[in-house]
Amino acid sequence: MKIARFLGVVGAAACLTGLVLVSPVAMAQDKAPAAPAATAPAKKDGKAGVTAGDKAPEFTLKAYADGKEVKLSDLLKNNKAVVIEWFNPGCPFVVRHHKEMPTFATLHKDFAGKGVAFVAINSGAKGMEGHGDEANKKAIADWKIAYPVLNDETGAVGQAYGAKRTPELFIVTPDGKIAYHGAIDNDQGNKKKGDEKVNHVRVALDEILKGTNVTTATTQAYGCSVKYAKK
């Protein structure tokens, strides 16, 4: 009874003075941490990251070019597939496929009009190779990249996917699952004349658009290491 009378007095005083009483629950809600940039499903084998057949972690990241937010689930609503490319403008392998050879530009040109969305993600941390607005905006302009390059400097999205190389590719279908994970192609620059060159992403996209299973769903990605923040 004494506690109830005390609360009644305090409440009346608050009304007279214009004060607002805030409950401990509301205060806890106000201090709740922001939602993470990406969420990854728990892996049964305990290994980090995801690969073909797994559920793709959701993410929301800002594009370097215009600062607009890009959300994976939004892309999946309106497309038959989403190609995610791990990116670093300072990596020679990325330079090779964007500047020296139009590998990604050609893929985008051939599939963008067929219901396939493309995004690149840079998980390089501050102070690391390829990080920052200036380097990424210059690459976008110089290489005429026609799709969003997203900023993941915290590395949260890259870690959720388990991305280790640039470039490293993931293709996600509208069911939210990864249909392909691995290298852009089978040519690391050591192919001899006459050797067959296979663009794994192109083959996988052709099969997805035909409604058939992806024949080669996983390959070994090659390239530079993703420049995550040092622990």
C-alpha atoms as a PDB file:
ATOM      1  CA  MET A   1       0.000   0.000   0.000  1.00  0.00           C
ATOM      2  CA  LYS A   2       2.844   2.424   0.833  1.00  0.00           C
ATOM      3  CA  ILE A   3       4.458   1.728  -2.601  1.00  0.00           C
ATOM      4  CA  ALA A   4       1.167   2.320  -4.396  1.00  0.00           C
ATOM      5  CA  ARG A   5       0.650   5.632  -2.537  1.00  0.00           C
ATOM      6  CA  PHE A   6       4.228   6.679  -3.398  1.00  0.00           C
ATOM      7  CA  LEU A   7       3.714   5.929  -7.117  1.00  0.00           C
ATOM      8  CA  GLY A   8       0.442   7.817  -7.030  1.00  0.00           C
ATOM      9  CA  VAL A   9       2.134  10.885  -5.570  1.00  0.00           C
ATOM     10  CA  VAL A  10       4.973  10.715  -8.109  1.00  0.00           C
ATOM     11  CA  GLY A  11       2.507  10.333 -10.951  1.00  0.00           C
ATOM     12  CA  ALA A  12       0.505  13.342  -9.806  1.00  0.00           C
ATOM     13  CA  ALA A  13       3.665  15.415  -9.511  1.00  0.00           C
ATOM     14  CA  ALA A  14       4.670  14.397 -13.023  1.00  0.00           C
ATOM     15  CA  CYS A  15       1.351  15.567 -14.408  1.00  0.00           C
ATOM     16  CA  LEU A  16       1.638  18.932 -12.645  1.00  0.00           C
ATOM     17  CA  THR A  17       5.222  19.581 -13.740  1.00  0.00           C
ATOM     18  CA  GLY A  18       4.937  18.199 -17.298  1.00  0.00           C
ATOM     19  CA  LEU A  19       7.381  15.362 -16.627  1.00  0.00           C
ATOM     20  CA  VAL A  20       7.041  12.078 -18.491  1.00  0.00           C
ATOM     21  CA  LEU A  21       7.584   8.852 -16.635  1.00  0.00           C
ATOM     22  CA  VAL A  22       9.431   6.226 -18.643  1.00  0.00           C
ATOM     23  CA  SER A  23       9.170   2.587 -17.668  1.00  0.00           C
ATOM     24  CA  PRO A  24      12.311   0.431 -17.348  1.00  0.00           C
ATOM     25  CA  VAL A  25      10.966  -1.701 -20.242  1.00  0.00           C
ATOM     26  CA  ALA A  26      10.708   1.293 -22.565  1.00  0.00           C
ATOM     27  CA  MET A  27      14.195   2.433 -21.571  1.00  0.00           C
ATOM     28  CA  ALA A  28      15.564  -1.010 -22.383  1.00  0.00           C
ATOM     29  CA  GLN A  29      13.859  -0.913 -25.783  1.00  0.00           C
ATOM     30  CA  ASP A  30      15.349   2.513 -26.540  1.00  0.00           C
ATOM     31  CA  LYS A  31      18.827   1.139 -25.815  1.00  0.00           C
ATOM     32  CA  ALA A  32      18.355  -2.021 -27.898  1.00  0.00           C
ATOM     33  CA  PRO A  33      21.189  -2.508 -30.428  1.00  0.00           C
ATOM     34  CA  ALA A  34      20.586  -1.812 -34.117  1.00  0.00           C
ATOM     35  CA  ALA A  35      19.835  -4.744 -36.387  1.00  0.00           C
ATOM     36  CA  PRO A  36      22.970  -6.306 -37.904  1.00  0.00           C
ATOM     37  CA  ALA A  37      23.825  -5.724 -41.584  1.00  0.00           C
ATOM     38  CA  ALA A  38      23.532  -9.446 -42.201  1.00  0.00           C
ATOM     39  CA  THR A  39      22.199 -12.496 -40.456  1.00  0.00           C
ATOM     40  CA  ALA A  40      23.498 -15.977 -41.162  1.00  0.00           C
ATOM     41  CA  PRO A  41      21.754 -19.242 -40.380  1.00  0.00           C
ATOM     42  CA  ALA A  42      23.427 -21.605 -37.947  1.00  0.00           C
ATOM     43  CA  LYS A  43      25.529 -24.267 -39.647  1.00  0.00           C
ATOM     44  CA  LYS A  44      25.135 -27.872 -38.503  1.00  0.00           C
ATOM     45  CA  ASP A  45      28.793 -28.633 -39.128  1.00  0.00           C
ATOM     46  CA  GLY A  46      29.940 -25.574 -37.178  1.00  0.00           C
ATOM     47  CA  LYS A  47      31.736 -24.050 -40.171  1.00  0.00           C
ATOM     48  CA  ALA A  48      31.430 -20.339 -40.872  1.00  0.00           C
ATOM     49  CA  GLY A  49      29.755 -19.040 -44.001  1.00  0.00           C
ATOM     50  CA  VAL A  50      27.396 -20.543 -46.560  1.00  0.00           C
ATOM     51  CA  THR A  51      27.608 -22.282 -49.906  1.00  0.00           C
ATOM     52  CA  ALA A  52      25.381 -23.775 -52.599  1.00  0.00           C
ATOM     53  CA  GLY A  53      22.156 -25.178 -51.187  1.00  0.00           C
ATOM     54  CA  ASP A  54      22.220 -22.997 -48.058  1.00  0.00           C
ATOM     55  CA  LYS A  55      19.909 -20.125 -47.223  1.00  0.00           C
ATOM     56  CA  ALA A  56      21.501 -16.831 -48.263  1.00  0.00           C
ATOM     57  CA  PRO A  57      22.002 -14.413 -45.348  1.00  0.00           C
ATOM     58  CA  GLU A  58      19.859 -11.299 -45.647  1.00  0.00           C
ATOM     59  CA  PHE A  59      21.722  -7.985 -45.883  1.00  0.00           C
ATOM     60  CA  THR A  60      21.132  -4.273 -46.223  1.00  0.00           C
ATOM     61  CA  LEU A  61      24.101  -2.186 -47.392  1.00  0.00           C
ATOM     62  CA  LYS A  62      24.683   1.264 -48.851  1.00  0.00           C
ATOM     63  CA  ALA A  63      25.979   1.768 -52.385  1.00  0.00           C
ATOM     64  CA  TYR A  64      29.184   3.760 -52.824  1.00  0.00           C
ATOM     65  CA  ALA A  65      27.904   5.669 -55.848  1.00  0.00           C
ATOM     66  CA  ASP A  66      24.744   7.238 -54.409  1.00  0.00           C
ATOM     67  CA  GLY A  67      24.429   6.122 -50.794  1.00  0.00           C
ATOM     68  CA  LYS A  68      21.174   4.272 -51.440  1.00  0.00           C
ATOM     69  CA  GLU A  69      20.453   1.177 -49.396  1.00  0.00           C
ATOM     70  CA  VAL A  70      20.233  -2.159 -51.188  1.00  0.00           C
ATOM     71  CA  LYS A  71      18.438  -5.084 -49.536  1.00  0.00           C
ATOM     72  CA  LEU A  72      18.799  -8.643 -50.798  1.00  0.00           C
ATOM     73  CA  SER A  73      15.158  -9.601 -50.158  1.00  0.00           C
ATOM     74  CA  ASP A  74      13.993  -6.617 -52.223  1.00  0.00           C
ATOM     75  CA  LEU A  75      16.122  -7.744 -55.160  1.00  0.00           C
ATOM     76  CA  LEU A  76      14.769 -11.279 -54.899  1.00  0.00           C
ATOM     77  CA  LYS A  77      11.161 -10.063 -55.103  1.00  0.00           C
ATOM     78  CA  ASN A  78      11.539  -8.789 -58.649  1.00  0.00           C
ATOM     79  CA  ASN A  79      14.234 -10.986 -60.174  1.00  0.00           C
ATOM     80  CA  LYS A  80      14.835 -14.590 -61.174  1.00  0.00           C
ATOM     81  CA  ALA A  81      18.338 -14.562 -59.691  1.00  0.00           C
ATOM     82  CA  VAL A  82      20.756 -12.239 -57.892  1.00  0.00           C
ATOM     83  CA  VAL A  83      24.502 -12.406 -58.586  1.00  0.00           C
ATOM     84  CA  ILE A  84      26.673 -11.269 -55.657  1.00  0.00           C
ATOM     85  CA  GLU A  85      30.313 -10.504 -56.408  1.00  0.00           C
ATOM     86  CA  TRP A  86      32.907  -9.898 -53.690  1.00  0.00           C
ATOM     87  CA  PHE A  87      34.895  -6.891 -54.809  1.00  0.00           C
ATOM     88  CA  ASN A  88      38.170  -5.044 -54.188  1.00  0.00           C
ATOM     89  CA  PRO A  89      39.320  -2.426 -56.742  1.00  0.00           C
ATOM     90  CA  GLY A  90      42.940  -2.948 -55.681  1.00  0.00           C
ATOM     91  CA  CYS A  91      42.971  -6.698 -56.319  1.00  0.00           C
ATOM     92  CA  PRO A  92      44.726  -7.724 -59.589  1.00  0.00           C
ATOM     93  CA  PHE A  93      42.154 -10.473 -60.208  1.00  0.00           C
ATOM     94  CA  VAL A  94      39.293  -7.981 -59.893  1.00  0.00           C
ATOM     95  CA  VAL A  95      41.174  -5.554 -62.143  1.00  0.00           C
ATOM     96  CA  ARG A  96      41.627  -8.346 -64.674  1.00  0.00           C
ATOM     97  CA  HIS A  97      37.917  -9.163 -64.899  1.00  0.00           C
ATOM     98  CA  HIS A  98      36.725  -5.548 -64.863  1.00  0.00           C
ATOM     99  CA  LYS A  99      39.432  -3.530 -66.622  1.00  0.00           C
ATOM    100  CA  GLU A 100      41.572  -5.882 -68.682  1.00  0.00           C
ATOM    101  CA  MET A 101      38.678  -8.147 -69.696  1.00  0.00           C
ATOM    102  CA  PRO A 102      34.984  -7.167 -69.638  1.00  0.00           C
ATOM    103  CA  THR A 103      33.980 -10.386 -67.860  1.00  0.00           C
ATOM    104  CA  PHE A 104      31.485  -8.826 -65.462  1.00  0.00           C
ATOM    105  CA  ALA A 105      30.343  -6.092 -67.837  1.00  0.00           C
ATOM    106  CA  THR A 106      29.488  -8.687 -70.472  1.00  0.00           C
ATOM    107  CA  LEU A 107      27.644 -10.888 -67.970  1.00  0.00           C
ATOM    108  CA  HIS A 108      25.597  -7.930 -66.785  1.00  0.00           C
ATOM    109  CA  LYS A 109      24.811  -6.853 -70.330  1.00  0.00           C
ATOM    110  CA  ASP A 110      23.716 -10.364 -71.324  1.00  0.00           C
ATOM    111  CA  PHE A 111      21.561 -11.138 -68.271  1.00  0.00           C
ATOM    112  CA  ALA A 112      20.281  -7.865 -66.771  1.00  0.00           C
ATOM    113  CA  GLY A 113      17.399  -7.785 -69.237  1.00  0.00           C
ATOM    114  CA  LYS A 114      16.456 -11.369 -68.407  1.00  0.00           C
ATOM    115  CA  GLY A 115      15.546 -10.821 -64.770  1.00  0.00           C
ATOM    116  CA  VAL A 116      18.989 -11.158 -63.186  1.00  0.00           C
ATOM    117  CA  ALA A 117      20.203  -8.524 -60.709  1.00  0.00           C
ATOM    118  CA  PHE A 118      23.876  -7.885 -59.966  1.00  0.00           C
ATOM    119  CA  VAL A 119      25.575  -6.376 -56.911  1.00  0.00           C
ATOM    120  CA  ALA A 120      29.208  -6.191 -55.804  1.00  0.00           C
ATOM    121  CA  ILE A 121      30.221  -6.088 -52.136  1.00  0.00           C
ATOM    122  CA  ASN A 122      33.465  -4.653 -50.762  1.00  0.00           C
ATOM    123  CA  SER A 123      34.192  -6.035 -47.279  1.00  0.00           C
ATOM    124  CA  GLY A 124      37.573  -4.337 -47.003  1.00  0.00           C
ATOM    125  CA  ALA A 125      38.090  -2.609 -43.658  1.00  0.00           C
ATOM    126  CA  LYS A 126      39.343   0.929 -43.077  1.00  0.00           C
ATOM    127  CA  GLY A 127      43.008   1.252 -43.909  1.00  0.00           C
ATOM    128  CA  MET A 128      42.989  -1.892 -46.023  1.00  0.00           C
ATOM    129  CA  GLU A 129      43.588  -2.221 -49.766  1.00  0.00           C
ATOM    130  CA  GLY A 130      40.612  -1.143 -51.870  1.00  0.00           C
ATOM    131  CA  HIS A 131      38.709   0.525 -49.031  1.00  0.00           C
ATOM    132  CA  GLY A 132      37.009   3.901 -49.154  1.00  0.00           C
ATOM    133  CA  ASP A 133      34.701   6.082 -51.212  1.00  0.00           C
ATOM    134  CA  GLU A 134      37.410   7.519 -53.434  1.00  0.00           C
ATOM    135  CA  ALA A 135      38.883   4.186 -54.590  1.00  0.00           C
ATOM    136  CA  ASN A 136      35.515   2.556 -55.153  1.00  0.00           C
ATOM    137  CA  LYS A 137      33.843   5.492 -56.892  1.00  0.00           C
ATOM    138  CA  LYS A 138      36.862   5.804 -59.193  1.00  0.00           C
ATOM    139  CA  ALA A 139      36.665   2.096 -60.080  1.00  0.00           C
ATOM    140  CA  ILE A 140      32.924   2.358 -60.727  1.00  0.00           C
ATOM    141  CA  ALA A 141      33.482   5.292 -63.080  1.00  0.00           C
ATOM    142  CA  ASP A 142      36.643   4.037 -64.803  1.00  0.00           C
ATOM    143  CA  TRP A 143      35.343   0.513 -65.347  1.00  0.00           C
ATOM    144  CA  LYS A 144      31.783   1.651 -66.073  1.00  0.00           C
ATOM    145  CA  ILE A 145      30.264  -0.735 -63.531  1.00  0.00           C
ATOM    146  CA  ALA A 146      26.523  -0.587 -64.195  1.00  0.00           C
ATOM    147  CA  TYR A 147      25.337  -2.181 -60.950  1.00  0.00           C
ATOM    148  CA  PRO A 148      25.670  -1.223 -57.258  1.00  0.00           C
ATOM    149  CA  VAL A 149      28.978  -1.652 -55.444  1.00  0.00           C
ATOM    150  CA  LEU A 150      28.095  -1.932 -51.744  1.00  0.00           C
ATOM    151  CA  ASN A 151      30.049  -0.900 -48.659  1.00  0.00           C
ATOM    152  CA  ASP A 152      30.579  -3.641 -46.047  1.00  0.00           C
ATOM    153  CA  GLU A 153      33.572  -2.147 -44.243  1.00  0.00           C
ATOM    154  CA  THR A 154      32.530  -3.799 -40.965  1.00  0.00           C
ATOM    155  CA  GLY A 155      32.856  -7.168 -42.704  1.00  0.00           C
ATOM    156  CA  ALA A 156      29.540  -8.372 -41.217  1.00  0.00           C
ATOM    157  CA  VAL A 157      28.072  -9.472 -44.545  1.00  0.00           C
ATOM    158  CA  GLY A 158      31.297 -10.984 -45.818  1.00  0.00           C
ATOM    159  CA  GLN A 159      31.705 -12.985 -42.615  1.00  0.00           C
ATOM    160  CA  ALA A 160      28.068 -14.149 -42.760  1.00  0.00           C
ATOM    161  CA  TYR A 161      28.667 -15.511 -46.251  1.00  0.00           C
ATOM    162  CA  GLY A 162      32.155 -16.739 -45.449  1.00  0.00           C
ATOM    163  CA  ALA A 163      33.586 -14.877 -48.447  1.00  0.00           C
ATOM    164  CA  LYS A 164      37.353 -15.369 -48.642  1.00  0.00           C
ATOM    165  CA  ARG A 165      38.356 -14.179 -52.124  1.00  0.00           C
ATOM    166  CA  THR A 166      37.902 -11.305 -54.537  1.00  0.00           C
ATOM    167  CA  PRO A 167      36.234 -12.018 -56.792  1.00  0.00           C
ATOM    168  CA  GLU A 168      34.054 -14.680 -55.151  1.00  0.00           C
ATOM    169  CA  LEU A 169      30.569 -15.292 -56.502  1.00  0.00           C
ATOM    170  CA  PHE A 170      27.214 -16.307 -55.049  1.00  0.00           C
ATOM    171  CA  ILE A 171      24.021 -16.693 -57.095  1.00  0.00           C
ATOM    172  CA  VAL A 172      20.798 -16.500 -55.074  1.00  0.00           C
ATOM    173  CA  THR A 173      17.392 -17.566 -56.410  1.00  0.00           C
ATOM    174  CA  PRO A 174      13.942 -16.259 -55.332  1.00  0.00           C
ATOM    175  CA  ASP A 175      13.546 -19.078 -52.790  1.00  0.00           C
ATOM    176  CA  GLY A 176      16.372 -17.389 -50.895  1.00  0.00           C
ATOM    177  CA  LYS A 177      18.821 -20.229 -51.474  1.00  0.00           C
ATOM    178  CA  ILE A 178      22.291 -20.139 -52.980  1.00  0.00           C
ATOM    179  CA  ALA A 179      22.274 -21.889 -56.357  1.00  0.00           C
ATOM    180  CA  TYR A 180      25.964 -21.359 -57.115  1.00  0.00           C
ATOM    181  CA  HIS A 181      29.043 -20.457 -55.078  1.00  0.00           C
ATOM    182  CA  GLY A 182      32.635 -20.159 -56.210  1.00  0.00           C
ATOM    183  CA  ALA A 183      34.848 -18.757 -58.939  1.00  0.00           C
ATOM    184  CA  ILE A 184      33.800 -16.581 -61.853  1.00  0.00           C
ATOM    185  CA  ASP A 185      35.453 -19.036 -64.255  1.00  0.00           C
ATOM    186  CA  ASN A 186      38.134 -21.726 -64.593  1.00  0.00           C
ATOM    187  CA  ASP A 187      40.812 -19.362 -65.891  1.00  0.00           C
ATOM    188  CA  GLN A 188      43.226 -18.054 -63.283  1.00  0.00           C
ATOM    189  CA  GLY A 189      45.467 -16.711 -66.005  1.00  0.00           C
ATOM    190  CA  ASN A 190      47.387 -19.930 -66.530  1.00  0.00           C
ATOM    191  CA  LYS A 191      45.319 -21.382 -69.369  1.00  0.00           C
ATOM    192  CA  LYS A 192      47.231 -22.560 -72.426  1.00  0.00           C
ATOM    193  CA  LYS A 193      46.178 -21.877 -75.987  1.00  0.00           C
ATOM    194  CA  GLY A 194      43.390 -24.226 -76.951  1.00  0.00           C
ATOM    195  CA  ASP A 195      42.301 -24.975 -73.371  1.00  0.00           C
ATOM    196  CA  GLU A 196      38.554 -24.663 -72.809  1.00  0.00           C
ATOM    197  CA  LYS A 197      37.555 -21.639 -70.780  1.00  0.00           C
ATOM    198  CA  VAL A 198      34.325 -21.974 -68.810  1.00  0.00           C
ATOM    199  CA  ASN A 199      32.505 -19.088 -67.159  1.00  0.00           C
ATOM    200  CA  HIS A 200      30.838 -20.921 -64.271  1.00  0.00           C
ATOM    201  CA  VAL A 201      28.473 -18.049 -63.469  1.00  0.00           C
ATOM    202  CA  ARG A 202      27.231 -17.820 -67.065  1.00  0.00           C
ATOM    203  CA  VAL A 203      26.591 -21.582 -67.195  1.00  0.00           C
ATOM    204  CA  ALA A 204      24.735 -21.493 -63.871  1.00  0.00           C
ATOM    205  CA  LEU A 205      22.576 -18.526 -64.913  1.00  0.00           C
ATOM    206  CA  ASP A 206      21.652 -20.201 -68.209  1.00  0.00           C
ATOM    207  CA  GLU A 207      20.535 -23.294 -66.306  1.00  0.00           C
ATOM    208  CA  ILE A 208      18.577 -21.282 -63.729  1.00  0.00           C
ATOM    209  CA  LEU A 209      16.710 -19.350 -66.422  1.00  0.00           C
ATOM    210  CA  LYS A 210      15.892 -22.621 -68.194  1.00  0.00           C
ATOM    211  CA  GLY A 211      14.454 -23.976 -64.967  1.00  0.00           C
ATOM    212  CA  THR A 212      16.957 -26.810 -64.679  1.00  0.00           C
ATOM    213  CA  ASN A 213      19.285 -27.724 -61.824  1.00  0.00           C
ATOM    214  CA  VAL A 214      22.702 -26.083 -61.739  1.00  0.00           C
ATOM    215  CA  THR A 215      25.120 -28.766 -62.922  1.00  0.00           C
ATOM    216  CA  THR A 216      28.200 -27.351 -61.190  1.00  0.00           C
ATOM    217  CA  ALA A 217      26.916 -25.644 -58.058  1.00  0.00           C
ATOM    218  CA  THR A 218      30.235 -25.229 -56.240  1.00  0.00           C
ATOM    219  CA  THR A 219      33.756 -24.429 -57.420  1.00  0.00           C
ATOM    220  CA  GLN A 220      36.912 -23.177 -55.719  1.00  0.00           C
ATOM    221  CA  ALA A 221      37.057 -19.376 -55.761  1.00  0.00           C
ATOM    222  CA  TYR A 222      40.414 -17.820 -56.672  1.00  0.00           C
ATOM    223  CA  GLY A 223      41.753 -14.312 -56.243  1.00  0.00           C
ATOM    224  CA  CYS A 224      42.984 -12.019 -53.483  1.00  0.00           C
ATOM    225  CA  SER A 225      42.020 -12.513 -49.859  1.00  0.00           C
ATOM    226  CA  VAL A 226      39.129 -10.399 -48.571  1.00  0.00           C
ATOM    227  CA  LYS A 227      40.711  -7.582 -46.563  1.00  0.00           C
ATOM    228  CA  TYR A 228      38.746  -7.893 -43.304  1.00  0.00           C
ATOM    229  CA  ALA A 229      39.619  -5.882 -40.213  1.00  0.00           C
ATOM    230  CA  LYS A 230      42.488  -7.445 -38.270  1.00  0.00           C
ATOM    231  CA  LYS A 231      41.418  -8.998 -34.966  1.00  0.00           C
END
